[in-house]
Amino acid sequence: GITKPILYRHFGDKGGLYRALAKRHTDALLSAL
């Protein structure tokens, strides 16, 4: 429910968003392991 520039402000670009998602899912996987 926001504009793309606001999303960029939080994550920089898709690479920044990817890294944040990767950390989120890797943290969960490591906890399960």
All heavy atoms as atom14 arrays in JSON, in Angstrom:
{
  "sequence": "GITKPILYRHFGDKGGLYRALAKRHTDALLSAL",
  "atom14_mask": [
    [1, 1, 1, 1, 0, 0, 0, 0, 0, 0, 0, 0, 0, 0],
    [1, 1, 1, 1, 1, 1, 1, 1, 0, 0, 0, 0, 0, 0],
    [1, 1, 1, 1, 1, 1, 1, 0, 0, 0, 0, 0, 0, 0],
    [1, 1, 1, 1, 1, 1, 1, 1, 1, 0, 0, 0, 0, 0],
    [1, 1, 1, 1, 1, 1, 1, 0, 0, 0, 0, 0, 0, 0],
    [1, 1, 1, 1, 1, 1, 1, 1, 0, 0, 0, 0, 0, 0],
    [1, 1, 1, 1, 1, 1, 1, 1, 0, 0, 0, 0, 0, 0],
    [1, 1, 1, 1, 1, 1, 1, 1, 1, 1, 1, 1, 0, 0],
    [1, 1, 1, 1, 1, 1, 1, 1, 1, 1, 1, 0, 0, 0],
    [1, 1, 1, 1, 1, 1, 1, 1, 1, 1, 0, 0, 0, 0],
    [1, 1, 1, 1, 1, 1, 1, 1, 1, 1, 1, 0, 0, 0],
    [1, 1, 1, 1, 0, 0, 0, 0, 0, 0, 0, 0, 0, 0],
    [1, 1, 1, 1, 1, 1, 1, 1, 0, 0, 0, 0, 0, 0],
    [1, 1, 1, 1, 1, 1, 1, 1, 1, 0, 0, 0, 0, 0],
    [1, 1, 1, 1, 0, 0, 0, 0, 0, 0, 0, 0, 0, 0],
    [1, 1, 1, 1, 0, 0, 0, 0, 0, 0, 0, 0, 0, 0],
    [1, 1, 1, 1, 1, 1, 1, 1, 0, 0, 0, 0, 0, 0],
    [1, 1, 1, 1, 1, 1, 1, 1, 1, 1, 1, 1, 0, 0],
    [1, 1, 1, 1, 1, 1, 1, 1, 1, 1, 1, 0, 0, 0],
    [1, 1, 1, 1, 1, 0, 0, 0, 0, 0, 0, 0, 0, 0],
    [1, 1, 1, 1, 1, 1, 1, 1, 0, 0, 0, 0, 0, 0],
    [1, 1, 1, 1, 1, 0, 0, 0, 0, 0, 0, 0, 0, 0],
    [1, 1, 1, 1, 1, 1, 1, 1, 1, 0, 0, 0, 0, 0],
    [1, 1, 1, 1, 1, 1, 1, 1, 1, 1, 1, 0, 0, 0],
    [1, 1, 1, 1, 1, 1, 1, 1, 1, 1, 0, 0, 0, 0],
    [1, 1, 1, 1, 1, 1, 1, 0, 0, 0, 0, 0, 0, 0],
    [1, 1, 1, 1, 1, 1, 1, 1, 0, 0, 0, 0, 0, 0],
    [1, 1, 1, 1, 1, 0, 0, 0, 0, 0, 0, 0, 0, 0],
    [1, 1, 1, 1, 1, 1, 1, 1, 0, 0, 0, 0, 0, 0],
    [1, 1, 1, 1, 1, 1, 1, 1, 0, 0, 0, 0, 0, 0],
    [1, 1, 1, 1, 1, 1, 0, 0, 0, 0, 0, 0, 0, 0],
    [1, 1, 1, 1, 1, 0, 0, 0, 0, 0, 0, 0, 0, 0],
    [1, 1, 1, 1, 1, 1, 1, 1, 0, 0, 0, 0, 0, 0]
  ],
  "atom14_positions": [
    [[0.8, -1.22, 0.0], [0.0, 0.0, 0.0], [0.83, 1.26, 0.0], [0.41, 2.3, 0.54], [0.0, 0.0, 0.0], [0.0, 0.0, 0.0], [0.0, 0.0, 0.0], [0.0, 0.0, 0.0], [0.0, 0.0, 0.0], [0.0, 0.0, 0.0], [0.0, 0.0, 0.0], [0.0, 0.0, 0.0], [0.0, 0.0, 0.0], [0.0, 0.0, 0.0]],
    [[2.01, 1.2, -0.62], [2.89, 2.37, -0.69], [3.37, 2.53, -2.13], [3.08, 1.7, -3.0], [4.11, 2.21, 0.24], [4.92, 0.95, -0.15], [3.67, 2.14, 1.7], [6.21, 0.79, 0.63], [0.0, 0.0, 0.0], [0.0, 0.0, 0.0], [0.0, 0.0, 0.0], [0.0, 0.0, 0.0], [0.0, 0.0, 0.0], [0.0, 0.0, 0.0]],
    [[4.11, 3.59, -2.4], [4.7, 3.78, -3.71], [6.08, 3.14, -3.76], [6.71, 2.9, -2.72], [4.84, 5.29, -4.03], [5.73, 5.87, -3.08], [3.49, 5.98, -3.99], [0.0, 0.0, 0.0], [0.0, 0.0, 0.0], [0.0, 0.0, 0.0], [0.0, 0.0, 0.0], [0.0, 0.0, 0.0], [0.0, 0.0, 0.0], [0.0, 0.0, 0.0]],
    [[6.55, 2.89, -4.97], [7.87, 2.26, -5.1], [8.99, 3.12, -4.53], [9.91, 2.57, -3.9], [8.13, 1.89, -6.56], [9.34, 0.96, -6.71], [9.32, 0.18, -8.01], [9.61, 1.06, -9.2], [9.87, 0.25, -10.42], [0.0, 0.0, 0.0], [0.0, 0.0, 0.0], [0.0, 0.0, 0.0], [0.0, 0.0, 0.0], [0.0, 0.0, 0.0]],
    [[8.97, 4.47, -4.69], [10.03, 5.27, -4.07], [10.11, 5.09, -2.55], [11.21, 5.12, -1.98], [9.64, 6.71, -4.44], [8.91, 6.56, -5.73], [8.13, 5.29, -5.59], [0.0, 0.0, 0.0], [0.0, 0.0, 0.0], [0.0, 0.0, 0.0], [0.0, 0.0, 0.0], [0.0, 0.0, 0.0], [0.0, 0.0, 0.0], [0.0, 0.0, 0.0]],
    [[8.97, 4.91, -1.89], [9.0, 4.67, -0.44], [9.64, 3.32, -0.14], [10.43, 3.17, 0.81], [7.58, 4.74, 0.15], [7.03, 6.16, 0.05], [7.59, 4.29, 1.62], [5.6, 6.32, 0.53], [0.0, 0.0, 0.0], [0.0, 0.0, 0.0], [0.0, 0.0, 0.0], [0.0, 0.0, 0.0], [0.0, 0.0, 0.0], [0.0, 0.0, 0.0]],
    [[9.35, 2.31, -0.97], [9.98, 1.0, -0.79], [11.49, 1.11, -0.98], [12.27, 0.53, -0.21], [9.38, 0.0, -1.8], [9.71, -1.48, -1.6], [9.24, -1.97, -0.23], [9.09, -2.31, -2.72], [0.0, 0.0, 0.0], [0.0, 0.0, 0.0], [0.0, 0.0, 0.0], [0.0, 0.0, 0.0], [0.0, 0.0, 0.0], [0.0, 0.0, 0.0]],
    [[11.91, 1.88, -1.98], [13.34, 2.11, -2.2], [13.98, 2.81, -1.01], [15.13, 2.55, -0.66], [13.57, 2.94, -3.46], [13.46, 2.17, -4.75], [12.72, 2.68, -5.82], [14.1, 0.96, -4.92], [12.62, 1.99, -7.02], [14.01, 0.25, -6.11], [13.27, 0.77, -7.16], [13.17, 0.08, -8.33], [0.0, 0.0, 0.0], [0.0, 0.0, 0.0]],
    [[13.22, 3.69, -0.37], [13.76, 4.43, 0.77], [14.11, 3.47, 1.9], [15.07, 3.68, 2.64], [12.75, 5.46, 1.25], [13.29, 6.45, 2.28], [12.18, 7.37, 2.76], [11.45, 7.98, 1.65], [10.21, 8.43, 1.73], [9.54, 8.32, 2.89], [9.61, 8.99, 0.7], [0.0, 0.0, 0.0], [0.0, 0.0, 0.0], [0.0, 0.0, 0.0]],
    [[13.34, 2.4, 2.04], [13.59, 1.44, 3.11], [14.69, 0.44, 2.76], [15.45, 0.01, 3.64], [12.31, 0.68, 3.44], [11.33, 1.46, 4.25], [11.36, 1.5, 5.62], [10.29, 2.25, 3.88], [10.38, 2.27, 6.08], [9.71, 2.72, 5.04], [0.0, 0.0, 0.0], [0.0, 0.0, 0.0], [0.0, 0.0, 0.0], [0.0, 0.0, 0.0]],
    [[14.77, 0.04, 1.49], [15.68, -1.05, 1.12], [16.73, -0.68, 0.07], [17.62, -1.48, -0.2], [14.87, -2.26, 0.62], [13.95, -2.82, 1.66], [12.59, -2.55, 1.63], [14.44, -3.62, 2.68], [11.73, -3.06, 2.59], [13.59, -4.14, 3.65], [12.23, -3.86, 3.61], [0.0, 0.0, 0.0], [0.0, 0.0, 0.0], [0.0, 0.0, 0.0]],
    [[16.63, 0.49, -0.51], [17.62, 0.91, -1.51], [17.25, 0.47, -2.9], [17.01, 1.28, -3.78], [0.0, 0.0, 0.0], [0.0, 0.0, 0.0], [0.0, 0.0, 0.0], [0.0, 0.0, 0.0], [0.0, 0.0, 0.0], [0.0, 0.0, 0.0], [0.0, 0.0, 0.0], [0.0, 0.0, 0.0], [0.0, 0.0, 0.0], [0.0, 0.0, 0.0]],
    [[17.21, -0.84, -3.13], [16.84, -1.4, -4.43], [16.4, -2.83, -4.2], [16.28, -3.28, -3.07], [18.02, -1.32, -5.43], [19.27, -2.02, -4.91], [19.17, -2.78, -3.92], [20.34, -1.81, -5.49], [0.0, 0.0, 0.0], [0.0, 0.0, 0.0], [0.0, 0.0, 0.0], [0.0, 0.0, 0.0], [0.0, 0.0, 0.0], [0.0, 0.0, 0.0]],
    [[16.16, -3.56, -5.29], [15.69, -4.94, -5.12], [16.75, -5.81, -4.46], [16.43, -6.75, -3.73], [15.27, -5.53, -6.46], [14.43, -6.81, -6.27], [13.89, -7.33, -7.58], [13.01, -8.56, -7.33], [12.55, -9.17, -8.58], [0.0, 0.0, 0.0], [0.0, 0.0, 0.0], [0.0, 0.0, 0.0], [0.0, 0.0, 0.0], [0.0, 0.0, 0.0]],
    [[18.02, -5.48, -4.71], [19.08, -6.22, -4.05], [19.02, -6.06, -2.53], [19.23, -7.01, -1.79], [0.0, 0.0, 0.0], [0.0, 0.0, 0.0], [0.0, 0.0, 0.0], [0.0, 0.0, 0.0], [0.0, 0.0, 0.0], [0.0, 0.0, 0.0], [0.0, 0.0, 0.0], [0.0, 0.0, 0.0], [0.0, 0.0, 0.0], [0.0, 0.0, 0.0]],
    [[18.73, -4.84, -2.07], [18.6, -4.61, -0.64], [17.43, -5.36, -0.04], [17.51, -5.92, 1.06], [0.0, 0.0, 0.0], [0.0, 0.0, 0.0], [0.0, 0.0, 0.0], [0.0, 0.0, 0.0], [0.0, 0.0, 0.0], [0.0, 0.0, 0.0], [0.0, 0.0, 0.0], [0.0, 0.0, 0.0], [0.0, 0.0, 0.0], [0.0, 0.0, 0.0]],
    [[16.32, -5.37, -0.78], [15.15, -6.12, -0.33], [15.45, -7.61, -0.31], [15.08, -8.33, 0.62], [13.96, -5.83, -1.24], [12.66, -6.6, -0.94], [12.14, -6.23, 0.44], [11.61, -6.29, -2.0], [0.0, 0.0, 0.0], [0.0, 0.0, 0.0], [0.0, 0.0, 0.0], [0.0, 0.0, 0.0], [0.0, 0.0, 0.0], [0.0, 0.0, 0.0]],
    [[16.14, -8.09, -1.34], [16.52, -9.5, -1.4], [17.35, -9.88, -0.18], [17.11, -10.9, 0.46], [17.33, -9.76, -2.68], [17.95, -11.13, -2.74], [17.31, -12.18, -3.39], [19.17, -11.4, -2.12], [17.88, -13.44, -3.43], [19.73, -12.66, -2.13], [19.08, -13.68, -2.8], [19.63, -14.93, -2.82], [0.0, 0.0, 0.0], [0.0, 0.0, 0.0]],
    [[18.34, -9.05, 0.14], [19.21, -9.38, 1.28], [18.42, -9.42, 2.59], [18.67, -10.27, 3.45], [20.36, -8.36, 1.37], [21.41, -8.54, 0.28], [22.61, -7.64, 0.49], [22.29, -6.23, 0.31], [22.3, -5.61, -0.87], [22.59, -6.28, -1.97], [22.03, -4.32, -0.94], [0.0, 0.0, 0.0], [0.0, 0.0, 0.0], [0.0, 0.0, 0.0]],
    [[17.46, -8.5, 2.74], [16.63, -8.5, 3.95], [15.77, -9.76, 4.01], [15.64, -10.38, 5.08], [15.77, -7.25, 3.98], [0.0, 0.0, 0.0], [0.0, 0.0, 0.0], [0.0, 0.0, 0.0], [0.0, 0.0, 0.0], [0.0, 0.0, 0.0], [0.0, 0.0, 0.0], [0.0, 0.0, 0.0], [0.0, 0.0, 0.0], [0.0, 0.0, 0.0]],
    [[15.18, -10.16, 2.88], [14.37, -11.38, 2.86], [15.25, -12.61, 3.08], [14.85, -13.56, 3.78], [13.63, -11.5, 1.53], [12.4, -10.61, 1.35], [11.9, -10.69, -0.09], [11.29, -11.0, 2.32], [0.0, 0.0, 0.0], [0.0, 0.0, 0.0], [0.0, 0.0, 0.0], [0.0, 0.0, 0.0], [0.0, 0.0, 0.0], [0.0, 0.0, 0.0]],
    [[16.44, -12.6, 2.47], [17.34, -13.74, 2.64], [17.73, -13.91, 4.11], [17.75, -15.03, 4.63], [18.59, -13.54, 1.79], [0.0, 0.0, 0.0], [0.0, 0.0, 0.0], [0.0, 0.0, 0.0], [0.0, 0.0, 0.0], [0.0, 0.0, 0.0], [0.0, 0.0, 0.0], [0.0, 0.0, 0.0], [0.0, 0.0, 0.0], [0.0, 0.0, 0.0]],
    [[18.02, -12.8, 4.79], [18.36, -12.89, 6.21], [17.17, -13.42, 7.01], [17.34, -14.26, 7.9], [18.79, -11.53, 6.75], [19.24, -11.58, 8.21], [19.69, -10.24, 8.72], [20.26, -10.37, 10.14], [19.35, -10.99, 11.1], [0.0, 0.0, 0.0], [0.0, 0.0, 0.0], [0.0, 0.0, 0.0], [0.0, 0.0, 0.0], [0.0, 0.0, 0.0]],
    [[15.99, -12.92, 6.7], [14.77, -13.35, 7.42], [14.57, -14.85, 7.3], [14.35, -15.55, 8.3], [13.59, -12.59, 6.82], [12.21, -12.92, 7.37], [11.18, -12.15, 6.56], [9.82, -12.44, 6.92], [9.09, -11.74, 7.8], [9.63, -10.71, 8.41], [7.84, -12.07, 8.07], [0.0, 0.0, 0.0], [0.0, 0.0, 0.0], [0.0, 0.0, 0.0]],
    [[14.69, -15.39, 6.09], [14.44, -16.81, 5.88], [15.62, -17.66, 6.33], [15.44, -18.78, 6.82], [14.09, -17.07, 4.42], [12.72, -16.6, 4.06], [11.59, -17.31, 4.4], [12.29, -15.47, 3.42], [10.52, -16.65, 3.98], [10.92, -15.54, 3.39], [0.0, 0.0, 0.0], [0.0, 0.0, 0.0], [0.0, 0.0, 0.0], [0.0, 0.0, 0.0]],
    [[16.83, -17.14, 6.19], [18.0, -17.89, 6.64], [18.01, -17.99, 8.16], [18.35, -19.04, 8.72], [19.3, -17.23, 6.15], [19.27, -17.14, 4.72], [20.52, -18.07, 6.54], [0.0, 0.0, 0.0], [0.0, 0.0, 0.0], [0.0, 0.0, 0.0], [0.0, 0.0, 0.0], [0.0, 0.0, 0.0], [0.0, 0.0, 0.0], [0.0, 0.0, 0.0]],
    [[17.64, -16.91, 8.85], [17.54, -16.96, 10.31], [16.57, -18.05, 10.75], [16.85, -18.82, 11.68], [17.07, -15.61, 10.86], [18.16, -14.54, 10.83], [19.33, -14.88, 10.57], [17.82, -13.36, 11.05], [0.0, 0.0, 0.0], [0.0, 0.0, 0.0], [0.0, 0.0, 0.0], [0.0, 0.0, 0.0], [0.0, 0.0, 0.0], [0.0, 0.0, 0.0]],
    [[15.41, -18.11, 10.08], [14.4, -19.11, 10.44], [14.92, -20.53, 10.16], [14.72, -21.45, 10.96], [13.11, -18.85, 9.68], [0.0, 0.0, 0.0], [0.0, 0.0, 0.0], [0.0, 0.0, 0.0], [0.0, 0.0, 0.0], [0.0, 0.0, 0.0], [0.0, 0.0, 0.0], [0.0, 0.0, 0.0], [0.0, 0.0, 0.0], [0.0, 0.0, 0.0]],
    [[15.6, -20.69, 9.02], [16.13, -22.01, 8.66], [17.2, -22.45, 9.64], [17.22, -23.6, 10.1], [16.68, -21.99, 7.24], [17.35, -23.27, 6.75], [16.39, -24.45, 6.8], [17.89, -23.07, 5.33], [0.0, 0.0, 0.0], [0.0, 0.0, 0.0], [0.0, 0.0, 0.0], [0.0, 0.0, 0.0], [0.0, 0.0, 0.0], [0.0, 0.0, 0.0]],
    [[18.11, -21.53, 10.0], [19.18, -21.87, 10.94], [18.62, -22.25, 12.3], [19.12, -23.17, 12.96], [20.15, -20.7, 11.07], [21.1, -20.51, 9.89], [21.83, -19.18, 10.0], [22.11, -21.67, 9.81], [0.0, 0.0, 0.0], [0.0, 0.0, 0.0], [0.0, 0.0, 0.0], [0.0, 0.0, 0.0], [0.0, 0.0, 0.0], [0.0, 0.0, 0.0]],
    [[17.57, -21.57, 12.72], [16.93, -21.91, 13.99], [16.35, -23.33, 13.94], [16.5, -24.12, 14.88], [15.82, -20.9, 14.31], [15.14, -21.25, 15.49], [0.0, 0.0, 0.0], [0.0, 0.0, 0.0], [0.0, 0.0, 0.0], [0.0, 0.0, 0.0], [0.0, 0.0, 0.0], [0.0, 0.0, 0.0], [0.0, 0.0, 0.0], [0.0, 0.0, 0.0]],
    [[15.71, -23.66, 12.82], [15.14, -25.0, 12.66], [16.24, -26.07, 12.6], [16.09, -27.16, 13.17], [14.28, -25.06, 11.4], [0.0, 0.0, 0.0], [0.0, 0.0, 0.0], [0.0, 0.0, 0.0], [0.0, 0.0, 0.0], [0.0, 0.0, 0.0], [0.0, 0.0, 0.0], [0.0, 0.0, 0.0], [0.0, 0.0, 0.0], [0.0, 0.0, 0.0]],
    [[17.35, -25.77, 11.92], [18.46, -26.71, 11.84], [19.08, -26.95, 13.21], [19.43, -28.08, 13.57], [19.51, -26.21, 10.85], [19.1, -26.19, 9.38], [20.17, -25.5, 8.54], [18.84, -27.6, 8.86], [0.0, 0.0, 0.0], [0.0, 0.0, 0.0], [0.0, 0.0, 0.0], [0.0, 0.0, 0.0], [0.0, 0.0, 0.0], [0.0, 0.0, 0.0]]
  ]
}
